[in-house]
Amino acid sequence: MPLESLRLKPHHIAGAACGLDALALLSATGYCETGALPLGLYAVLAPVLLLGGVILYQLTMRLYRDDRRRQRRAERVSRLDKIQERRKAQ
């Protein structure tokens, strides 16, 4: 994958998107408080941004857990391979 050449993993991207989503919500809150954003539009925008943040957070955590599970499996396989090599050498 091209992302792996940059050492970026999908959960890094989802985490950054979640952070941007939170920043957009804070920005929208500021515009609403100054009167630049109508309250009705903010009432529609805020739940959408919050839901987006929740979905991105869940996606991030699922990707992170899957990545860690894959790493643990690879470590377990390498340990078992080393044990088998030692048994064959004896």
C-alpha atoms as a PDB file:
ATOM      1  CA  MET A   1       0.000   0.000   0.000  1.00  0.00           C
ATOM      2  CA  PRO A   2       1.244   3.526  -0.697  1.00  0.00           C
ATOM      3  CA  LEU A   3       0.277   4.538   2.846  1.00  0.00           C
ATOM      4  CA  GLU A   4       2.670   1.984   4.299  1.00  0.00           C
ATOM      5  CA  SER A   5       5.553   3.545   2.386  1.00  0.00           C
ATOM      6  CA  LEU A   6       4.820   6.768   4.291  1.00  0.00           C
ATOM      7  CA  ARG A   7       4.514   4.763   7.534  1.00  0.00           C
ATOM      8  CA  LEU A   8       0.890   5.850   7.821  1.00  0.00           C
ATOM      9  CA  LYS A   9      -1.659   3.319   8.934  1.00  0.00           C
ATOM     10  CA  PRO A  10      -5.427   3.546   8.444  1.00  0.00           C
ATOM     11  CA  HIS A  11      -6.013   4.216  12.146  1.00  0.00           C
ATOM     12  CA  HIS A  12      -3.632   7.191  11.967  1.00  0.00           C
ATOM     13  CA  ILE A  13      -5.693   8.691   9.144  1.00  0.00           C
ATOM     14  CA  ALA A  14      -8.979   8.014  10.918  1.00  0.00           C
ATOM     15  CA  GLY A  15      -7.589   9.563  14.112  1.00  0.00           C
ATOM     16  CA  ALA A  16      -6.505  12.695  12.230  1.00  0.00           C
ATOM     17  CA  ALA A  17      -9.939  12.913  10.598  1.00  0.00           C
ATOM     18  CA  CYS A  18     -11.566  12.605  14.026  1.00  0.00           C
ATOM     19  CA  GLY A  19      -9.385  15.442  15.299  1.00  0.00           C
ATOM     20  CA  LEU A  20     -10.345  17.604  12.329  1.00  0.00           C
ATOM     21  CA  ASP A  21     -13.980  16.801  13.002  1.00  0.00           C
ATOM     22  CA  ALA A  22     -13.636  17.971  16.615  1.00  0.00           C
ATOM     23  CA  LEU A  23     -11.864  21.123  15.404  1.00  0.00           C
ATOM     24  CA  ALA A  24     -14.720  21.797  12.953  1.00  0.00           C
ATOM     25  CA  LEU A  25     -17.250  21.423  15.771  1.00  0.00           C
ATOM     26  CA  LEU A  26     -15.321  23.860  17.972  1.00  0.00           C
ATOM     27  CA  SER A  27     -15.049  26.278  15.067  1.00  0.00           C
ATOM     28  CA  ALA A  28     -18.780  26.051  14.359  1.00  0.00           C
ATOM     29  CA  THR A  29     -19.462  26.683  18.048  1.00  0.00           C
ATOM     30  CA  GLY A  30     -17.343  29.837  17.932  1.00  0.00           C
ATOM     31  CA  TYR A  31     -19.118  31.116  14.820  1.00  0.00           C
ATOM     32  CA  CYS A  32     -22.484  30.425  16.445  1.00  0.00           C
ATOM     33  CA  GLU A  33     -21.530  32.325  19.613  1.00  0.00           C
ATOM     34  CA  THR A  34     -20.403  35.382  17.618  1.00  0.00           C
ATOM     35  CA  GLY A  35     -23.615  35.386  15.616  1.00  0.00           C
ATOM     36  CA  ALA A  36     -21.919  34.600  12.287  1.00  0.00           C
ATOM     37  CA  LEU A  37     -23.674  31.218  12.096  1.00  0.00           C
ATOM     38  CA  PRO A  38     -27.454  31.053  12.526  1.00  0.00           C
ATOM     39  CA  LEU A  39     -28.578  28.952  15.480  1.00  0.00           C
ATOM     40  CA  GLY A  40     -30.830  26.809  13.275  1.00  0.00           C
ATOM     41  CA  LEU A  41     -27.918  25.865  11.022  1.00  0.00           C
ATOM     42  CA  TYR A  42     -25.750  25.129  14.056  1.00  0.00           C
ATOM     43  CA  ALA A  43     -28.528  22.943  15.479  1.00  0.00           C
ATOM     44  CA  VAL A  44     -28.323  20.837  12.313  1.00  0.00           C
ATOM     45  CA  LEU A  45     -24.538  20.994  11.949  1.00  0.00           C
ATOM     46  CA  ALA A  46     -23.537  20.120  15.529  1.00  0.00           C
ATOM     47  CA  PRO A  47     -25.236  16.687  15.752  1.00  0.00           C
ATOM     48  CA  VAL A  48     -23.865  15.741  12.318  1.00  0.00           C
ATOM     49  CA  LEU A  49     -20.337  16.691  13.368  1.00  0.00           C
ATOM     50  CA  LEU A  50     -20.696  14.899  16.707  1.00  0.00           C
ATOM     51  CA  LEU A  51     -21.987  11.755  15.007  1.00  0.00           C
ATOM     52  CA  GLY A  52     -19.124  11.954  12.532  1.00  0.00           C
ATOM     53  CA  GLY A  53     -16.672  12.202  15.411  1.00  0.00           C
ATOM     54  CA  VAL A  54     -18.185   9.197  17.164  1.00  0.00           C
ATOM     55  CA  ILE A  55     -18.101   7.118  13.988  1.00  0.00           C
ATOM     56  CA  LEU A  56     -14.504   8.121  13.249  1.00  0.00           C
ATOM     57  CA  TYR A  57     -13.479   7.330  16.824  1.00  0.00           C
ATOM     58  CA  GLN A  58     -15.060   3.877  16.637  1.00  0.00           C
ATOM     59  CA  LEU A  59     -13.401   3.251  13.282  1.00  0.00           C
ATOM     60  CA  THR A  60     -10.052   4.379  14.650  1.00  0.00           C
ATOM     61  CA  MET A  61     -10.259   2.102  17.659  1.00  0.00           C
ATOM     62  CA  ARG A  62     -11.381  -0.881  15.598  1.00  0.00           C
ATOM     63  CA  LEU A  63      -8.514  -0.394  13.146  1.00  0.00           C
ATOM     64  CA  TYR A  64      -6.046   0.033  15.994  1.00  0.00           C
ATOM     65  CA  ARG A  65      -7.237  -3.134  17.749  1.00  0.00           C
ATOM     66  CA  ASP A  66      -7.095  -5.080  14.487  1.00  0.00           C
ATOM     67  CA  ASP A  67      -3.572  -3.838  13.817  1.00  0.00           C
ATOM     68  CA  ARG A  68      -2.410  -4.761  17.321  1.00  0.00           C
ATOM     69  CA  ARG A  69      -4.081  -8.184  17.020  1.00  0.00           C
ATOM     70  CA  ARG A  70      -2.240  -8.746  13.726  1.00  0.00           C
ATOM     71  CA  GLN A  71       1.066  -7.751  15.347  1.00  0.00           C
ATOM     72  CA  ARG A  72       0.503 -10.089  18.292  1.00  0.00           C
ATOM     73  CA  ARG A  73      -0.322 -12.972  15.944  1.00  0.00           C
ATOM     74  CA  ALA A  74       2.846 -12.317  13.933  1.00  0.00           C
ATOM     75  CA  GLU A  75       4.913 -12.257  17.144  1.00  0.00           C
ATOM     76  CA  ARG A  76       3.308 -15.506  18.333  1.00  0.00           C
ATOM     77  CA  VAL A  77       4.024 -17.198  15.001  1.00  0.00           C
ATOM     78  CA  SER A  78       7.661 -16.074  15.079  1.00  0.00           C
ATOM     79  CA  ARG A  79       8.056 -17.370  18.657  1.00  0.00           C
ATOM     80  CA  LEU A  80       6.551 -20.733  17.695  1.00  0.00           C
ATOM     81  CA  ASP A  81       8.835 -20.914  14.650  1.00  0.00           C
ATOM     82  CA  LYS A  82      11.882 -20.276  16.835  1.00  0.00           C
ATOM     83  CA  ILE A  83      10.779 -23.008  19.266  1.00  0.00           C
ATOM     84  CA  GLN A  84      10.293 -25.477  16.395  1.00  0.00           C
ATOM     85  CA  GLU A  85      13.723 -24.595  14.953  1.00  0.00           C
ATOM     86  CA  ARG A  86      15.337 -25.224  18.334  1.00  0.00           C
ATOM     87  CA  ARG A  87      13.614 -28.617  18.616  1.00  0.00           C
ATOM     88  CA  LYS A  88      14.769 -29.589  15.133  1.00  0.00           C
ATOM     89  CA  ALA A  89      18.345 -28.486  15.922  1.00  0.00           C
ATOM     90  CA  GLN A  90      18.442 -30.721  19.013  1.00  0.00           C
END
